[in-house]
């Protein structure tokens, strides 16, 4: 079993910044990828950013140039630096883990509880 602890959400004004973090714990054998999904009211959940254990990253077009995803493999932690925030970034952000544990070697997904990001003046 893998546990994900998220932090960093909050209320900011347009143009502000936030840094989200997600720490994975448990008997982790390997991490294939970790990322951040978000879901706003009335909208479907979307993958905002992802990163592999090797460092390959992907961002959706709407956040390119504003968000940066990074990771610390030694700490099994992924970060999402969000700059120049816009009201449309308002959503619940969920961390996602995809990998395996020592007792369960086939890869599986795990979700964090989510952290609220609100961008409003």
C-alpha atoms as a PDB file:
ATOM      1  CA  UNK A   1       0.000   0.000   0.000  1.00  0.00           C
ATOM      2  CA  UNK A   2       1.187   3.507  -0.863  1.00  0.00           C
ATOM      3  CA  UNK A   3       0.146   6.607   1.033  1.00  0.00           C
ATOM      4  CA  UNK A   4       0.234  10.063  -0.534  1.00  0.00           C
ATOM      5  CA  UNK A   5       0.419  13.194   1.604  1.00  0.00           C
ATOM      6  CA  UNK A   6      -0.335  16.444  -0.203  1.00  0.00           C
ATOM      7  CA  UNK A   7       0.234  20.009   0.929  1.00  0.00           C
ATOM      8  CA  UNK A   8       0.546  23.539  -0.386  1.00  0.00           C
ATOM      9  CA  UNK A   9      -2.956  24.414  -1.522  1.00  0.00           C
ATOM     10  CA  UNK A  10      -4.673  27.624  -0.552  1.00  0.00           C
ATOM     11  CA  UNK A  11      -6.245  30.886  -1.643  1.00  0.00           C
ATOM     12  CA  UNK A  12      -4.245  33.275  -3.806  1.00  0.00           C
ATOM     13  CA  UNK A  13      -4.941  36.283  -5.997  1.00  0.00           C
ATOM     14  CA  UNK A  14      -4.608  36.122  -9.777  1.00  0.00           C
ATOM     15  CA  UNK A  15      -0.954  36.311 -10.726  1.00  0.00           C
ATOM     16  CA  UNK A  16       0.145  34.721  -7.480  1.00  0.00           C
ATOM     17  CA  UNK A  17       2.048  31.522  -6.890  1.00  0.00           C
ATOM     18  CA  UNK A  18       1.678  28.280  -4.980  1.00  0.00           C
ATOM     19  CA  UNK A  19       3.842  25.208  -4.595  1.00  0.00           C
ATOM     20  CA  UNK A  20       2.171  21.847  -4.126  1.00  0.00           C
ATOM     21  CA  UNK A  21       4.014  18.866  -2.750  1.00  0.00           C
ATOM     22  CA  UNK A  22       3.170  15.188  -2.587  1.00  0.00           C
ATOM     23  CA  UNK A  23       5.162  12.696  -0.570  1.00  0.00           C
ATOM     24  CA  UNK A  24       4.686   8.993  -1.217  1.00  0.00           C
ATOM     25  CA  UNK A  25       5.360   6.538   1.562  1.00  0.00           C
ATOM     26  CA  UNK A  26       5.166   2.804   2.036  1.00  0.00           C
ATOM     27  CA  UNK A  27       7.152  -0.198   0.879  1.00  0.00           C
ATOM     28  CA  UNK A  28       7.762   1.313  -2.542  1.00  0.00           C
ATOM     29  CA  UNK A  29       9.687  -0.841  -4.977  1.00  0.00           C
ATOM     30  CA  UNK A  30       9.642   1.458  -7.969  1.00  0.00           C
ATOM     31  CA  UNK A  31       7.880   4.546  -9.269  1.00  0.00           C
ATOM     32  CA  UNK A  32       6.946   4.664 -12.907  1.00  0.00           C
ATOM     33  CA  UNK A  33       5.398   8.118 -12.756  1.00  0.00           C
ATOM     34  CA  UNK A  34       3.746  10.641 -10.489  1.00  0.00           C
ATOM     35  CA  UNK A  35       1.562  13.538 -11.396  1.00  0.00           C
ATOM     36  CA  UNK A  36      -1.146  16.021 -10.575  1.00  0.00           C
ATOM     37  CA  UNK A  37      -4.763  15.904 -11.662  1.00  0.00           C
ATOM     38  CA  UNK A  38      -7.307  18.621 -11.059  1.00  0.00           C
ATOM     39  CA  UNK A  39     -11.062  18.841 -11.117  1.00  0.00           C
ATOM     40  CA  UNK A  40     -13.065  22.044 -11.102  1.00  0.00           C
ATOM     41  CA  UNK A  41     -16.805  22.227 -10.396  1.00  0.00           C
ATOM     42  CA  UNK A  42     -18.779  21.156 -13.441  1.00  0.00           C
ATOM     43  CA  UNK A  43     -15.707  19.938 -15.288  1.00  0.00           C
ATOM     44  CA  UNK A  44     -14.108  16.566 -15.759  1.00  0.00           C
ATOM     45  CA  UNK A  45     -10.880  15.652 -14.057  1.00  0.00           C
ATOM     46  CA  UNK A  46      -7.802  16.342 -16.141  1.00  0.00           C
ATOM     47  CA  UNK A  47      -4.142  15.476 -15.905  1.00  0.00           C
ATOM     48  CA  UNK A  48      -2.250  18.714 -15.377  1.00  0.00           C
ATOM     49  CA  UNK A  49       1.323  17.486 -15.161  1.00  0.00           C
ATOM     50  CA  UNK A  50       3.260  14.271 -14.836  1.00  0.00           C
ATOM     51  CA  UNK A  51       6.843  13.205 -14.360  1.00  0.00           C
ATOM     52  CA  UNK A  52       8.608   9.872 -14.583  1.00  0.00           C
ATOM     53  CA  UNK A  53      11.247   8.661 -12.179  1.00  0.00           C
ATOM     54  CA  UNK A  54      13.751   9.393 -14.946  1.00  0.00           C
ATOM     55  CA  UNK A  55      12.699  13.025 -15.144  1.00  0.00           C
ATOM     56  CA  UNK A  56      10.571  13.143 -18.293  1.00  0.00           C
ATOM     57  CA  UNK A  57       7.757  15.664 -17.874  1.00  0.00           C
ATOM     58  CA  UNK A  58       4.480  16.528 -19.535  1.00  0.00           C
ATOM     59  CA  UNK A  59       2.180  19.509 -19.038  1.00  0.00           C
ATOM     60  CA  UNK A  60      -1.187  20.357 -20.509  1.00  0.00           C
ATOM     61  CA  UNK A  61      -1.099  23.301 -22.883  1.00  0.00           C
ATOM     62  CA  UNK A  62      -3.055  25.626 -20.610  1.00  0.00           C
ATOM     63  CA  UNK A  63      -0.336  25.610 -17.941  1.00  0.00           C
ATOM     64  CA  UNK A  64       2.802  25.491 -20.060  1.00  0.00           C
ATOM     65  CA  UNK A  65       5.099  28.368 -19.236  1.00  0.00           C
ATOM     66  CA  UNK A  66       3.440  28.861 -15.858  1.00  0.00           C
ATOM     67  CA  UNK A  67       3.680  25.516 -14.034  1.00  0.00           C
ATOM     68  CA  UNK A  68       6.706  23.334 -13.405  1.00  0.00           C
ATOM     69  CA  UNK A  69       6.687  19.776 -12.130  1.00  0.00           C
ATOM     70  CA  UNK A  70       9.730  18.288 -10.445  1.00  0.00           C
ATOM     71  CA  UNK A  71      10.617  15.401  -8.193  1.00  0.00           C
ATOM     72  CA  UNK A  72      13.038  14.168  -5.576  1.00  0.00           C
ATOM     73  CA  UNK A  73      13.377  10.448  -6.198  1.00  0.00           C
ATOM     74  CA  UNK A  74      15.272   9.863  -2.958  1.00  0.00           C
ATOM     75  CA  UNK A  75      12.322  11.243  -1.003  1.00  0.00           C
ATOM     76  CA  UNK A  76       9.613   9.862  -3.302  1.00  0.00           C
ATOM     77  CA  UNK A  77       8.230  13.369  -3.500  1.00  0.00           C
ATOM     78  CA  UNK A  78       6.815  15.326  -6.413  1.00  0.00           C
ATOM     79  CA  UNK A  79       6.286  19.091  -6.564  1.00  0.00           C
ATOM     80  CA  UNK A  80       4.150  21.376  -8.665  1.00  0.00           C
ATOM     81  CA  UNK A  81       5.294  24.988  -8.807  1.00  0.00           C
ATOM     82  CA  UNK A  82       2.396  27.130 -10.006  1.00  0.00           C
ATOM     83  CA  UNK A  83       3.134  30.689 -11.090  1.00  0.00           C
ATOM     84  CA  UNK A  84       0.999  33.365 -12.731  1.00  0.00           C
ATOM     85  CA  UNK A  85      -2.116  31.676 -11.435  1.00  0.00           C
ATOM     86  CA  UNK A  86      -5.430  32.374 -13.116  1.00  0.00           C
ATOM     87  CA  UNK A  87      -8.999  31.979 -11.841  1.00  0.00           C
ATOM     88  CA  UNK A  88      -9.456  29.058 -14.232  1.00  0.00           C
ATOM     89  CA  UNK A  89      -6.758  27.189 -12.301  1.00  0.00           C
ATOM     90  CA  UNK A  90      -9.166  26.940  -9.376  1.00  0.00           C
ATOM     91  CA  UNK A  91      -9.773  23.263  -8.638  1.00  0.00           C
ATOM     92  CA  UNK A  92      -9.100  20.419  -6.285  1.00  0.00           C
ATOM     93  CA  UNK A  93      -5.667  19.073  -7.123  1.00  0.00           C
ATOM     94  CA  UNK A  94      -5.004  15.379  -6.571  1.00  0.00           C
ATOM     95  CA  UNK A  95      -1.619  13.722  -6.511  1.00  0.00           C
ATOM     96  CA  UNK A  96      -1.329  10.412  -8.353  1.00  0.00           C
ATOM     97  CA  UNK A  97       1.206   7.638  -7.972  1.00  0.00           C
ATOM     98  CA  UNK A  98       1.840   4.863 -10.468  1.00  0.00           C
ATOM     99  CA  UNK A  99       4.339   2.220  -9.492  1.00  0.00           C
ATOM    100  CA  UNK A 100       4.828  -0.867  -7.385  1.00  0.00           C
ATOM    101  CA  UNK A 101       5.663  -2.038  -3.878  1.00  0.00           C
ATOM    102  CA  UNK A 102       7.867  -4.823  -2.583  1.00  0.00           C
ATOM    103  CA  UNK A 103       4.820  -6.963  -1.901  1.00  0.00           C
ATOM    104  CA  UNK A 104       2.959  -5.999  -5.066  1.00  0.00           C
ATOM    105  CA  UNK A 105       5.395  -5.891  -7.962  1.00  0.00           C
ATOM    106  CA  UNK A 106       2.907  -5.207 -10.734  1.00  0.00           C
ATOM    107  CA  UNK A 107       2.299  -1.491 -11.172  1.00  0.00           C
ATOM    108  CA  UNK A 108      -0.821   0.121  -9.768  1.00  0.00           C
ATOM    109  CA  UNK A 109      -2.215   3.572  -9.214  1.00  0.00           C
ATOM    110  CA  UNK A 110      -2.846   5.388  -5.959  1.00  0.00           C
ATOM    111  CA  UNK A 111      -4.518   8.734  -5.216  1.00  0.00           C
ATOM    112  CA  UNK A 112      -4.023  11.449  -2.660  1.00  0.00           C
ATOM    113  CA  UNK A 113      -6.963  13.027  -0.864  1.00  0.00           C
ATOM    114  CA  UNK A 114      -6.627  16.285  -2.750  1.00  0.00           C
ATOM    115  CA  UNK A 115      -5.816  19.883  -1.895  1.00  0.00           C
ATOM    116  CA  UNK A 116      -7.925  22.912  -2.799  1.00  0.00           C
ATOM    117  CA  UNK A 117      -6.425  25.654  -4.937  1.00  0.00           C
ATOM    118  CA  UNK A 118      -8.513  28.797  -5.228  1.00  0.00           C
ATOM    119  CA  UNK A 119      -7.471  31.750  -7.375  1.00  0.00           C
ATOM    120  CA  UNK A 120      -9.673  34.765  -6.764  1.00  0.00           C
ATOM    121  CA  UNK A 121      -9.465  38.476  -6.109  1.00  0.00           C
END
